[in-house]
C-alpha cells in the first residue's frame, strides 16, 4: 500500500512540474528564422508533368518557442507550387509552431498547368516565393523551376470506361490486337523536329508503310513503360549529325526518360525500348544517344532481308537495365557504336541472324547487380516457356577492329546448339578481347583462338586505357593496347571515328582514335 501511494505521489509531482513549464507557451515570431537555402531550385520539368519533391528546412535559432503567424505562397491558390508544412498539405498555413532550437521541413513540388496558364515561351523560368510572416517580420524564400514546352504523344482514354487505347499490330499482314498501351503516329507526327522536345506516353507506333524521320538535335523523352515501335512495313530514320560541343551534343538525337532532374540522369530502366518490329525495314540510326532504357534497341526478324534491317552508326547506348542492343534472328550493321553499362549484355546477337560490327566499342562496366551475360552474347537459339529450343542459322557474324571489354571475365559468350541443318558462322578480326579461362570452363571449339577461320590478329586481356568508364567515356589513351592495331581494310570502310577524326593513316581499335590524356 505504501509503495502504491509512493508511486502515485511521484506521478503527481511530475505532472505538477510539467504544468508549470512554459514549453507550450509560444511567442510570436520576430522574423529571425533561419533557412537551409535562400532559393529552392526545382530543376527542370516539362509543362503538365509534376516535379520531384524538394525540401526546405526552417530553423528557430532562438531560445523561445515561437509561432509563425503565416506561411504561404506569394501567388496563393493560383500558384503551380504545392507545399507540405510539418505534415500538412496546402498553399497557406497559419500559426505554425516551432520549438526553441528546433527545425521543421517544408516539402515542395510543382506542376505548370497549361490549361490554366498558357506557356509564354518554349522554355522559361517559373517562379514563386514562400512568405513567412508579414510586415516588418516578413521573410522570403524564392522558388525557381525551368519549364520546357513539349510535344506530347499519348494514347487515348475512353472517358466512360477509363480504358486506355492499345496498339493493333500487323503480323504477317494480319491486324492483331495487342495489350501494348499506345497509338499510331498521325501523319503530321511523322517528322520529329528539334524545335521542342517530344514526350511519349505508352508506345508511339510508326504505321505500316510510313517512315518516321527524326531531325538532328531532336530530343525524345519516354515515360515509364513507354517507347517507340516501328511496325511491319514501316521505317525509322534517325538523322542525327556531328556536334561541335561534346557536352551539349546539339546535333545528336537523344532518347531518354521524361524525368529531367539530375537524380535521374543515369538511372537504367526508366522507359521501354526502340522496338524494330518484325517486318519493319531499312531502319537507320545515326548520331544518336540512347540511355536509361530497359532495352536500348530491340530488333526482331528479317535476318535474310536484302538490305540490313538496322544500320546503326556513330551512336552510343548506355545505362540499360537489360540489353543495349538485342537482335533476335535479325540483320544489323553497326559502325562506330559505343555500348556500356547493361544489366545483362551490352550486345545480344541471339537466335541466329546476320551481324556485321566494325570499329565499335562493346563494353560493360555494370556494377548495380549481378549480370547474367558478358558484354557480348552470340547464340543461335531461343528456349520457350515449355523449355523447347528453336534453332536458326547464324549466317554471318563479323566483329572487326572492335574492343570487347568490361569489369567481368570473360566478356564473350558463344552459345551454340549444334544442328547439322543450320549454319553457325562467326569471325573476330583485329579485336581487343577480355577473355581469360584459367579453369578451362569454355572447352567448345568455338573458343579455339588458334583457329584462323574464327579469330585473326586478336589481342587478349590487355588494357584498353579507357578515359572514364564510370562516366561512359570510352575514348582511349596513348597507353591503350588498341592503339594502332586496326586492320586498314576495315578502317577504309569506316574512315572517320565517332567524333569525325580520320583513322585511315593508323587505325586504332574501337569507336575512337586515341588521344593524349
Protein backbone atom coordinates (compact mmCIF):
# COMPACT_ATOMS: atom_id res chain seq x y z
CA UNK A 1 0.00 0.00 0.00
CA UNK A 2 2.79 2.39 0.91
CA UNK A 3 4.59 1.57 -2.36
CA UNK A 4 1.46 2.32 -4.40
CA UNK A 5 0.96 5.61 -2.57
CA UNK A 6 4.61 6.50 -3.22
CA UNK A 7 4.26 5.99 -6.99
CA UNK A 8 1.02 7.99 -7.08
CA UNK A 9 2.76 10.87 -5.32
CA UNK A 10 5.72 10.73 -7.71
CA UNK A 11 3.44 10.80 -10.76
CA UNK A 12 1.54 13.70 -9.25
CA UNK A 13 4.73 15.68 -8.72
CA UNK A 14 5.85 15.02 -12.32
CA UNK A 15 2.51 16.14 -13.74
CA UNK A 16 2.57 19.19 -11.49
CA UNK A 17 6.04 20.17 -12.66
CA UNK A 18 5.04 19.77 -16.32
CA UNK A 19 2.05 22.01 -15.85
CA UNK A 20 4.29 24.77 -14.56
CA UNK A 21 6.66 24.68 -17.54
CA UNK A 22 6.34 27.15 -20.41
CA UNK A 23 7.12 24.57 -23.13
CA UNK A 24 3.78 25.14 -24.81
CA UNK A 25 3.59 28.90 -24.48
CA UNK A 26 4.56 30.10 -27.94
CA UNK A 27 5.84 33.59 -28.59
CA UNK A 28 5.06 35.36 -31.86
CA UNK A 29 7.83 35.06 -34.46
CA UNK A 30 10.05 38.14 -34.74
CA UNK A 31 11.38 37.46 -38.24
CA UNK A 32 14.60 35.75 -37.19
CA UNK A 33 14.03 32.38 -38.82
CA UNK A 34 16.91 30.54 -40.43
CA UNK A 35 16.69 28.58 -43.70
CA UNK A 36 18.70 25.77 -45.24
CA UNK A 37 18.73 27.75 -48.52
CA UNK A 38 17.52 31.13 -49.68
CA UNK A 39 16.37 29.77 -53.07
CA UNK A 40 14.92 26.33 -53.82
CA UNK A 41 15.70 25.24 -57.37
CA UNK A 42 13.31 22.54 -58.55
CA UNK A 43 15.43 21.74 -61.62
CA UNK A 44 13.71 21.25 -64.98
CA UNK A 45 10.23 19.95 -65.75
CA UNK A 46 8.02 19.59 -68.77
CA UNK A 47 4.76 21.52 -68.76
CA UNK A 48 1.91 19.49 -67.22
CA UNK A 49 4.29 16.94 -65.66
CA UNK A 50 4.88 17.09 -61.92
CA UNK A 51 8.32 17.59 -60.44
CA UNK A 52 10.12 15.55 -57.84
CA UNK A 53 9.75 16.60 -54.20
CA UNK A 54 12.28 19.09 -52.84
CA UNK A 55 12.73 20.26 -49.28
CA UNK A 56 13.48 23.39 -47.29
CA UNK A 57 14.49 23.29 -43.65
CA UNK A 58 13.31 26.14 -41.38
CA UNK A 59 15.23 26.82 -38.14
CA UNK A 60 14.22 28.52 -34.90
CA UNK A 61 17.59 29.61 -33.56
CA UNK A 62 16.13 31.45 -30.56
CA UNK A 63 15.64 30.18 -27.00
CA UNK A 64 11.88 30.74 -27.21
CA UNK A 65 9.15 28.54 -28.62
CA UNK A 66 7.61 30.54 -31.44
CA UNK A 67 4.53 30.60 -33.63
CA UNK A 68 4.84 31.78 -37.21
CA UNK A 69 1.58 33.65 -37.96
CA UNK A 70 1.57 32.89 -41.71
CA UNK A 71 3.42 30.61 -44.11
CA UNK A 72 2.11 30.93 -47.65
CA UNK A 73 2.91 31.01 -51.34
CA UNK A 74 3.09 34.53 -52.71
CA UNK A 75 0.80 33.62 -55.62
CA UNK A 76 -1.68 31.97 -53.30
CA UNK A 77 -4.11 29.32 -54.51
CA UNK A 78 -3.30 30.08 -58.17
CA UNK A 79 0.32 29.04 -57.69
CA UNK A 80 1.60 25.98 -59.52
CA UNK A 81 3.68 25.12 -56.45
CA UNK A 82 2.45 22.89 -53.63
CA UNK A 83 3.68 22.80 -50.03
CA UNK A 84 3.65 20.34 -47.21
CA UNK A 85 4.41 22.03 -43.90
CA UNK A 86 5.04 19.82 -40.92
CA UNK A 87 2.87 17.07 -42.42
CA UNK A 88 0.03 19.31 -43.63
CA UNK A 89 -0.52 19.85 -47.38
CA UNK A 90 -1.70 23.18 -48.77
CA UNK A 91 -0.65 26.57 -50.08
CA UNK A 92 -1.33 28.70 -46.97
CA UNK A 93 -0.82 27.94 -43.27
CA UNK A 94 -1.41 29.87 -40.04
CA UNK A 95 0.16 29.66 -36.58
CA UNK A 96 2.91 27.26 -37.49
CA UNK A 97 4.58 26.34 -34.20
CA UNK A 98 8.30 25.76 -33.83
CA UNK A 99 10.05 24.86 -30.58
CA UNK A 100 13.20 26.60 -29.38
CA UNK A 101 16.39 25.48 -31.11
CA UNK A 102 14.28 23.21 -33.32
CA UNK A 103 13.50 22.98 -37.02
CA UNK A 104 10.80 21.83 -39.41
CA UNK A 105 10.74 20.59 -43.01
CA UNK A 106 8.74 22.13 -45.82
CA UNK A 107 8.36 19.85 -48.85
CA UNK A 108 7.80 21.48 -52.22
CA UNK A 109 6.51 20.23 -55.58
CA UNK A 110 5.31 21.95 -58.73
CA UNK A 111 3.35 21.35 -61.90
CA UNK A 112 2.97 24.01 -64.58
CA UNK A 113 -0.58 23.61 -65.87
CA UNK A 114 -1.00 24.95 -69.39
CA UNK A 115 -4.79 24.66 -69.08
CA UNK A 116 -4.84 27.49 -66.55
CA UNK A 117 -1.68 29.37 -67.53
CA UNK A 118 -0.69 29.33 -71.22
CA UNK A 119 3.01 28.98 -71.94
CA UNK A 120 4.83 32.23 -72.58
CA UNK A 121 7.73 30.56 -74.40
CA UNK A 122 9.13 27.14 -75.23
CA UNK A 123 11.48 27.42 -72.23
CA UNK A 124 11.28 29.83 -69.31
CA UNK A 125 11.77 30.18 -65.55
CA UNK A 126 8.66 29.71 -63.44
CA UNK A 127 8.99 31.38 -60.03
CA UNK A 128 7.14 31.99 -56.79
CA UNK A 129 8.06 32.68 -53.16
CA UNK A 130 7.32 31.17 -49.78
CA UNK A 131 6.40 34.03 -47.44
CA UNK A 132 6.97 33.74 -43.70
CA UNK A 133 5.04 36.22 -41.52
CA UNK A 134 4.35 39.74 -42.80
CA UNK A 135 5.15 43.43 -42.32
CA UNK A 136 8.44 44.11 -40.63
CA UNK A 137 8.89 40.41 -39.81
CA UNK A 138 8.45 39.23 -43.40
CA UNK A 139 11.00 36.70 -44.66
CA UNK A 140 11.05 35.10 -48.11
CA UNK A 141 12.46 32.04 -49.85
CA UNK A 142 12.45 32.01 -53.65
CA UNK A 143 11.19 29.05 -55.69
CA UNK A 144 12.59 28.61 -59.22
CA UNK A 145 11.79 25.98 -61.86
CA UNK A 146 12.81 25.77 -65.51
CA UNK A 147 9.72 24.80 -67.52
CA UNK A 148 10.00 23.35 -71.01
CA UNK A 149 7.24 23.14 -73.55
CA UNK A 150 6.97 19.82 -75.39
CA UNK A 151 5.03 17.88 -77.96
CA UNK A 152 3.06 15.24 -76.07
CA UNK A 153 2.16 11.91 -77.67
CA UNK A 154 -0.13 9.67 -75.65
CA UNK A 155 -2.84 7.06 -76.21
CA UNK A 156 -6.50 7.98 -75.95
CA UNK A 157 -8.56 7.10 -72.89
CA UNK A 158 -12.26 6.20 -73.01
CA UNK A 159 -13.99 8.77 -70.77
CA UNK A 160 -16.73 6.31 -69.86
CA UNK A 161 -14.76 3.15 -69.10
CA UNK A 162 -11.35 4.67 -68.39
CA UNK A 163 -9.77 2.08 -70.73
CA UNK A 164 -6.57 3.28 -72.40
CA UNK A 165 -6.03 2.68 -76.10
CA UNK A 166 -3.81 -0.26 -77.10
CA UNK A 167 -1.92 -0.95 -80.31
CA UNK A 168 -3.17 -3.07 -83.18
CA UNK A 169 -0.09 -4.68 -84.73
CA UNK A 170 0.23 -6.09 -88.22
CA UNK A 171 1.77 -9.57 -88.02
CA UNK A 172 2.36 -11.36 -91.32
CA UNK A 173 -0.10 -8.96 -92.91
CA UNK A 174 -2.85 -9.68 -90.36
CA UNK A 175 -4.02 -6.92 -87.97
CA UNK A 176 -3.71 -8.28 -84.43
CA UNK A 177 -4.90 -6.70 -81.20
CA UNK A 178 -2.21 -6.36 -78.53
CA UNK A 179 -2.07 -5.36 -74.88
CA UNK A 180 0.59 -2.72 -75.53
CA UNK A 181 -0.64 0.70 -74.42
CA UNK A 182 -0.11 3.27 -77.17
CA UNK A 183 -1.29 4.52 -80.53
CA UNK A 184 -0.10 5.03 -84.09
CA UNK A 185 1.54 8.29 -85.01
CA UNK A 186 -0.63 10.62 -87.06
CA UNK A 187 0.52 11.87 -90.49
CA UNK A 188 1.56 15.25 -89.08
CA UNK A 189 3.62 13.49 -86.36
CA UNK A 190 5.90 11.53 -88.71
CA UNK A 191 8.68 14.10 -88.53
CA UNK A 192 10.24 14.86 -85.15
CA UNK A 193 12.00 18.24 -85.29
CA UNK A 194 14.38 19.94 -82.88
CA UNK A 195 12.00 22.84 -82.15
CA UNK A 196 10.53 21.30 -78.98
CA UNK A 197 11.18 18.05 -77.11
CA UNK A 198 8.81 15.11 -77.56
CA UNK A 199 7.30 13.35 -74.55
CA UNK A 200 5.82 9.92 -75.25
CA UNK A 201 3.35 8.03 -73.05
CA UNK A 202 2.82 4.40 -73.99
CA UNK A 203 4.25 3.20 -77.30
CA UNK A 204 4.23 5.52 -80.30
CA UNK A 205 3.93 3.25 -83.34
CA UNK A 206 5.09 4.10 -86.86
CA UNK A 207 2.21 2.89 -89.07
CA UNK A 208 2.69 0.27 -91.77
CA UNK A 209 4.05 1.79 -94.97
CA UNK A 210 5.16 5.01 -93.22
CA UNK A 211 8.55 6.44 -92.20
CA UNK A 212 9.32 8.31 -89.01
CA UNK A 213 12.07 10.85 -89.67
CA UNK A 214 13.89 12.36 -86.69
CA UNK A 215 15.85 15.55 -87.40
CA UNK A 216 19.29 16.47 -86.00
CA UNK A 217 19.13 17.82 -82.46
CA UNK A 218 15.74 16.28 -81.64
CA UNK A 219 15.09 15.21 -78.05
CA UNK A 220 12.70 12.33 -77.39
CA UNK A 221 11.61 11.55 -73.82
CA UNK A 222 9.67 8.48 -72.75
CA UNK A 223 7.50 7.94 -69.70
CA UNK A 224 7.77 4.69 -67.75
CA UNK A 225 6.82 1.60 -69.79
CA UNK A 226 6.82 3.65 -72.99
CA UNK A 227 8.82 3.57 -76.18
CA UNK A 228 8.88 3.64 -79.95
CA UNK A 229 7.58 0.78 -82.11
CA UNK A 230 8.31 0.53 -85.84
CA UNK A 231 5.57 -1.62 -87.34
CA UNK A 232 5.69 -4.21 -90.13
CA UNK A 233 6.41 -2.40 -93.37
CA UNK A 234 7.42 0.81 -91.58
CA UNK A 235 10.81 2.55 -91.34
CA UNK A 236 12.72 4.61 -88.77
CA UNK A 237 15.26 7.21 -89.90
CA UNK A 238 17.21 8.86 -87.07
CA UNK A 239 19.20 11.57 -88.84
CA UNK A 240 21.50 12.90 -86.15
CA UNK A 241 24.60 14.85 -87.13
CA UNK A 242 28.05 15.58 -85.63
CA UNK A 243 28.09 18.11 -82.80
CA UNK A 244 30.70 20.73 -82.03
CA UNK A 245 30.08 20.71 -78.26
CA UNK A 246 30.77 17.30 -76.64
CA UNK A 247 28.67 18.26 -73.61
CA UNK A 248 25.62 19.77 -75.33
CA UNK A 249 25.58 17.32 -78.27
CA UNK A 250 23.49 19.91 -80.05
CA UNK A 251 23.04 17.86 -83.24
CA UNK A 252 22.80 14.43 -81.64
CA UNK A 253 19.37 12.81 -81.39
CA UNK A 254 18.84 11.83 -77.75
CA UNK A 255 16.39 9.21 -76.48
CA UNK A 256 15.90 9.14 -72.70
CA UNK A 257 13.29 9.19 -69.90
CA UNK A 258 10.99 12.09 -69.10
CA UNK A 259 12.44 12.81 -65.64
CA UNK A 260 14.84 15.70 -66.16
CA UNK A 261 16.14 16.06 -62.61
CA UNK A 262 19.86 15.24 -62.13
CA UNK A 263 18.87 12.40 -59.78
CA UNK A 264 17.50 10.51 -62.80
CA UNK A 265 20.23 11.33 -65.30
CA UNK A 266 21.86 7.88 -65.14
CA UNK A 267 19.13 5.58 -63.81
CA UNK A 268 18.60 2.47 -66.01
CA UNK A 269 15.17 1.09 -66.87
CA UNK A 270 13.19 4.35 -66.87
CA UNK A 271 11.43 3.51 -70.14
CA UNK A 272 10.91 0.62 -72.55
CA UNK A 273 12.72 0.34 -75.87
CA UNK A 274 13.02 1.29 -79.51
CA UNK A 275 11.36 -1.79 -80.97
CA UNK A 276 12.01 -2.60 -84.60
CA UNK A 277 9.11 -4.97 -85.08
CA UNK A 278 9.40 -7.95 -87.39
CA UNK A 279 8.77 -6.77 -90.92
CA UNK A 280 9.99 -3.21 -90.38
CA UNK A 281 12.66 -2.34 -92.91
CA UNK A 282 15.66 -0.19 -93.78
CA UNK A 283 15.90 1.32 -90.31
CA UNK A 284 18.75 3.80 -89.85
CA UNK A 285 20.09 5.30 -86.62
CA UNK A 286 22.94 7.79 -86.97
CA UNK A 287 24.49 10.04 -84.31
CA UNK A 288 22.10 9.05 -81.54
CA UNK A 289 22.39 8.66 -77.79
CA UNK A 290 20.05 6.09 -76.26
CA UNK A 291 20.16 5.86 -72.48
CA UNK A 292 18.34 4.74 -69.34
CA UNK A 293 16.02 2.29 -71.13
CA UNK A 294 15.07 -1.32 -70.42
CA UNK A 295 16.36 -2.42 -73.85
CA UNK A 296 18.17 0.18 -75.95
CA UNK A 297 17.24 -1.18 -79.38
CA UNK A 298 15.26 -4.39 -79.93
CA UNK A 299 15.47 -5.68 -83.50
CA UNK A 300 13.24 -8.61 -84.42
CA UNK A 301 13.40 -10.80 -87.51
CA UNK A 302 14.27 -10.23 -91.17
CA UNK A 303 17.66 -11.93 -90.96
CA UNK A 304 17.73 -12.54 -94.70
CA UNK A 305 16.49 -9.11 -95.82
CA UNK A 306 18.24 -7.81 -98.94
CA UNK A 307 19.10 -4.62 -97.01
CA UNK A 308 20.10 -4.81 -93.35
CA UNK A 309 17.09 -4.36 -91.11
CA UNK A 310 19.08 -1.93 -88.94
CA UNK A 311 22.10 0.19 -89.75
CA UNK A 312 23.34 1.98 -86.64
CA UNK A 313 26.34 4.31 -86.83
CA UNK A 314 28.15 6.89 -84.69
CA UNK A 315 25.89 6.20 -81.74
CA UNK A 316 26.14 5.39 -78.05
CA UNK A 317 23.85 3.29 -75.87
CA UNK A 318 24.33 3.08 -72.11
CA UNK A 319 22.69 2.70 -68.69
CA UNK A 320 20.31 -0.02 -69.89
CA UNK A 321 18.71 -2.43 -67.42
CA UNK A 322 18.92 -5.49 -69.75
CA UNK A 323 20.41 -5.35 -73.29
CA UNK A 324 21.94 -2.34 -75.03
CA UNK A 325 21.21 -3.89 -78.44
CA UNK A 326 19.19 -7.10 -78.63
CA UNK A 327 18.92 -8.77 -82.01
CA UNK A 328 16.64 -11.78 -82.44
CA UNK A 329 17.19 -13.58 -85.76
CA UNK A 330 17.76 -10.22 -87.38
CA UNK A 331 20.28 -8.36 -89.54
CA UNK A 332 22.31 -5.47 -88.07
CA UNK A 333 25.17 -3.44 -89.45
CA UNK A 334 26.93 -1.34 -86.80
CA UNK A 335 29.83 1.09 -87.21
CA UNK A 336 31.33 3.44 -84.63
CA UNK A 337 28.97 2.43 -81.86
CA UNK A 338 29.72 2.54 -78.13
CA UNK A 339 27.82 0.33 -75.70
CA UNK A 340 28.17 0.21 -71.92
CA UNK A 341 26.50 -0.44 -68.61
CA UNK A 342 23.85 -3.04 -69.37
CA UNK A 343 22.26 -5.24 -66.73
CA UNK A 344 22.58 -8.37 -68.91
CA UNK A 345 24.62 -7.94 -72.12
CA UNK A 346 25.63 -4.82 -73.98
CA UNK A 347 25.12 -6.60 -77.32
CA UNK A 348 22.98 -9.70 -77.75
CA UNK A 349 23.11 -11.40 -81.15
CA UNK A 350 20.57 -14.12 -80.46
CA UNK A 351 18.54 -16.74 -82.34
CA UNK A 352 20.97 -16.56 -85.25
CA UNK A 353 20.84 -13.88 -87.89
CA UNK A 354 23.40 -11.63 -89.54
CA UNK A 355 25.63 -9.11 -87.75
CA UNK A 356 28.47 -7.01 -89.09
CA UNK A 357 30.07 -4.79 -86.45
CA UNK A 358 33.08 -2.63 -87.32
CA UNK A 359 35.17 -0.19 -85.29
CA UNK A 360 32.92 -0.40 -82.26
CA UNK A 361 33.46 -0.43 -78.51
CA UNK A 362 31.32 -3.06 -76.80
CA UNK A 363 31.96 -2.59 -73.10
CA UNK A 364 30.11 -3.46 -69.94
CA UNK A 365 31.07 -1.98 -66.58
CA UNK A 366 27.70 -2.63 -64.94
CA UNK A 367 28.03 -2.58 -61.15
CA UNK A 368 24.44 -2.29 -59.89
CA UNK A 369 23.81 -6.03 -59.60
CA UNK A 370 24.99 -9.42 -60.83
CA UNK A 371 24.71 -9.71 -64.59
CA UNK A 372 23.95 -12.99 -66.28
CA UNK A 373 25.84 -12.43 -69.53
CA UNK A 374 29.14 -10.94 -70.71
CA UNK A 375 29.41 -7.76 -72.76
CA UNK A 376 28.83 -9.74 -75.99
CA UNK A 377 26.44 -12.68 -76.29
CA UNK A 378 26.12 -14.73 -79.50
CA UNK A 379 23.77 -17.69 -79.87
CA UNK A 380 21.60 -19.46 -82.45
CA UNK A 381 18.54 -20.42 -80.41
CA UNK A 382 15.70 -19.39 -78.14
CA UNK A 383 14.00 -21.51 -75.49
CA UNK A 384 10.26 -21.11 -74.91
CA UNK A 385 8.24 -21.48 -71.71
CA UNK A 386 7.94 -25.24 -72.27
CA UNK A 387 11.75 -25.49 -72.45
CA UNK A 388 11.64 -26.21 -76.18
CA UNK A 389 14.62 -24.84 -78.13
CA UNK A 390 14.21 -23.26 -81.56
CA UNK A 391 17.39 -23.05 -83.64
CA UNK A 392 18.16 -20.70 -86.56
CA UNK A 393 21.04 -20.02 -88.93
CA UNK A 394 23.79 -17.69 -87.81
CA UNK A 395 24.64 -16.90 -91.40
CA UNK A 396 27.18 -14.13 -90.95
CA UNK A 397 28.68 -12.60 -87.81
CA UNK A 398 31.76 -10.40 -88.09
CA UNK A 399 33.38 -8.22 -85.44
CA UNK A 400 36.24 -6.25 -86.96
CA UNK A 401 38.58 -3.69 -85.37
CA UNK A 402 36.49 -3.78 -82.18
CA UNK A 403 37.10 -3.59 -78.43
CA UNK A 404 35.10 -6.07 -76.34
CA UNK A 405 35.83 -5.42 -72.68
CA UNK A 406 34.35 -4.89 -69.23
CA UNK A 407 34.61 -5.48 -65.50
CA UNK A 408 33.89 -9.21 -65.75
CA UNK A 409 35.88 -12.03 -67.31
CA UNK A 410 35.33 -13.37 -69.89
CA UNK A 411 33.34 -10.76 -71.81
CA UNK A 412 32.33 -13.06 -74.69
CA UNK A 413 29.87 -15.95 -74.71
CA UNK A 414 29.30 -18.03 -77.84
CA UNK A 415 26.42 -20.38 -77.11
CA UNK A 416 25.62 -22.81 -79.92
CA UNK A 417 23.11 -25.60 -80.16
CA UNK A 418 24.74 -27.82 -82.77
CA UNK A 419 22.40 -28.83 -85.57
CA UNK A 420 23.54 -30.22 -88.90
CA UNK A 421 20.70 -28.43 -90.66
CA UNK A 422 21.81 -24.91 -89.63
CA UNK A 423 24.97 -22.86 -90.14
CA UNK A 424 26.92 -21.11 -87.42
CA UNK A 425 29.36 -18.62 -88.92
CA UNK A 426 31.33 -16.02 -86.97
CA UNK A 427 34.69 -14.30 -87.11
CA UNK A 428 36.64 -11.82 -84.98
CA UNK A 429 39.36 -9.86 -86.75
CA UNK A 430 41.78 -7.42 -85.09
CA UNK A 431 39.83 -7.18 -81.85
CA UNK A 432 40.90 -6.49 -78.28
CA UNK A 433 39.00 -9.00 -76.15
CA UNK A 434 38.83 -9.65 -72.44
CA UNK A 435 38.79 -13.43 -72.22
CA UNK A 436 40.76 -15.44 -69.71
CA UNK A 437 39.73 -19.01 -68.94
CA UNK A 438 42.22 -20.32 -66.42
CA UNK A 439 39.89 -23.14 -65.31
CA UNK A 440 39.02 -24.31 -68.84
CA UNK A 441 35.29 -23.80 -68.45
CA UNK A 442 34.97 -22.91 -72.14
CA UNK A 443 36.05 -26.05 -74.00
CA UNK A 444 33.93 -25.69 -77.13
CA UNK A 445 35.74 -25.47 -80.45
CA UNK A 446 34.13 -22.05 -80.80
CA UNK A 447 36.79 -20.85 -78.32
CA UNK A 448 39.74 -22.23 -80.26
CA UNK A 449 41.55 -18.91 -80.61
CA UNK A 450 44.16 -20.51 -82.86
CA UNK A 451 41.50 -21.24 -85.47
CA UNK A 452 42.05 -18.55 -88.12
CA UNK A 453 38.60 -19.15 -89.59
CA UNK A 454 37.14 -17.64 -86.40
CA UNK A 455 39.92 -15.49 -84.88
CA UNK A 456 42.59 -13.43 -86.59
CA UNK A 457 45.09 -10.94 -85.12
CA UNK A 458 43.47 -10.92 -81.69
CA UNK A 459 44.70 -9.14 -78.55
CA UNK A 460 43.66 -10.66 -75.23
CA UNK A 461 43.30 -9.08 -71.79
CA UNK A 462 45.48 -6.04 -72.45
CA UNK A 463 44.47 -2.66 -71.01
CA UNK A 464 42.28 -0.61 -73.40
CA UNK A 465 43.07 2.51 -71.33
CA UNK A 466 39.55 3.95 -71.39
CA UNK A 467 39.38 7.52 -70.13
CA UNK A 468 36.47 7.16 -67.68
CA UNK A 469 34.22 4.09 -67.75
CA UNK A 470 32.11 5.41 -64.86
CA UNK A 471 31.15 8.41 -66.99
CA UNK A 472 30.65 6.30 -70.15
CA UNK A 473 33.71 7.93 -71.68
CA UNK A 474 35.42 5.30 -73.83
CA UNK A 475 38.00 7.42 -75.60
CA UNK A 476 41.29 5.54 -75.40
CA UNK A 477 44.67 6.96 -74.41
CA UNK A 478 48.22 6.68 -75.69
CA UNK A 479 48.83 3.64 -73.49
CA UNK A 480 45.91 1.66 -74.92
CA UNK A 481 46.62 -1.82 -76.26
CA UNK A 482 44.23 -0.86 -79.07
CA UNK A 483 46.47 1.99 -80.23
CA UNK A 484 47.42 1.47 -83.90
CA UNK A 485 46.21 -2.14 -84.00
CA UNK A 486 43.42 -1.79 -86.56
CA UNK A 487 43.21 -3.51 -89.91
CA UNK A 488 43.49 -0.83 -92.61
CA UNK A 489 40.97 -2.53 -94.89
CA UNK A 490 38.21 -2.17 -92.32
CA UNK A 491 39.41 1.32 -91.41
CA UNK A 492 38.99 2.35 -95.04
CA UNK A 493 35.37 1.19 -94.87
CA UNK A 494 34.81 3.42 -91.81
CA UNK A 495 37.39 6.18 -92.43
CA UNK A 496 36.43 8.51 -89.54
CA UNK A 497 35.89 7.69 -85.89
CA UNK A 498 32.73 8.52 -83.96
CA UNK A 499 33.97 12.10 -83.43
CA UNK A 500 34.86 12.59 -87.09
CA UNK A 501 38.62 12.08 -86.63
CA UNK A 502 40.34 10.38 -89.56
CA UNK A 503 41.64 6.91 -88.74
CA UNK A 504 42.94 5.65 -92.09
CA UNK A 505 46.62 6.53 -91.54
CA UNK A 506 46.97 4.48 -88.33
CA UNK A 507 43.68 2.95 -87.23
CA UNK A 508 43.02 2.18 -83.58
CA UNK A 509 40.56 -0.45 -82.43
CA UNK A 510 37.14 0.60 -81.24
CA UNK A 511 34.98 3.62 -82.00
CA UNK A 512 37.59 6.26 -81.03
CA UNK A 513 41.03 7.19 -82.19
CA UNK A 514 43.32 7.62 -79.19
CA UNK A 515 44.11 10.96 -77.57
CA UNK A 516 46.67 12.11 -75.04
CA UNK A 517 45.01 12.38 -71.63
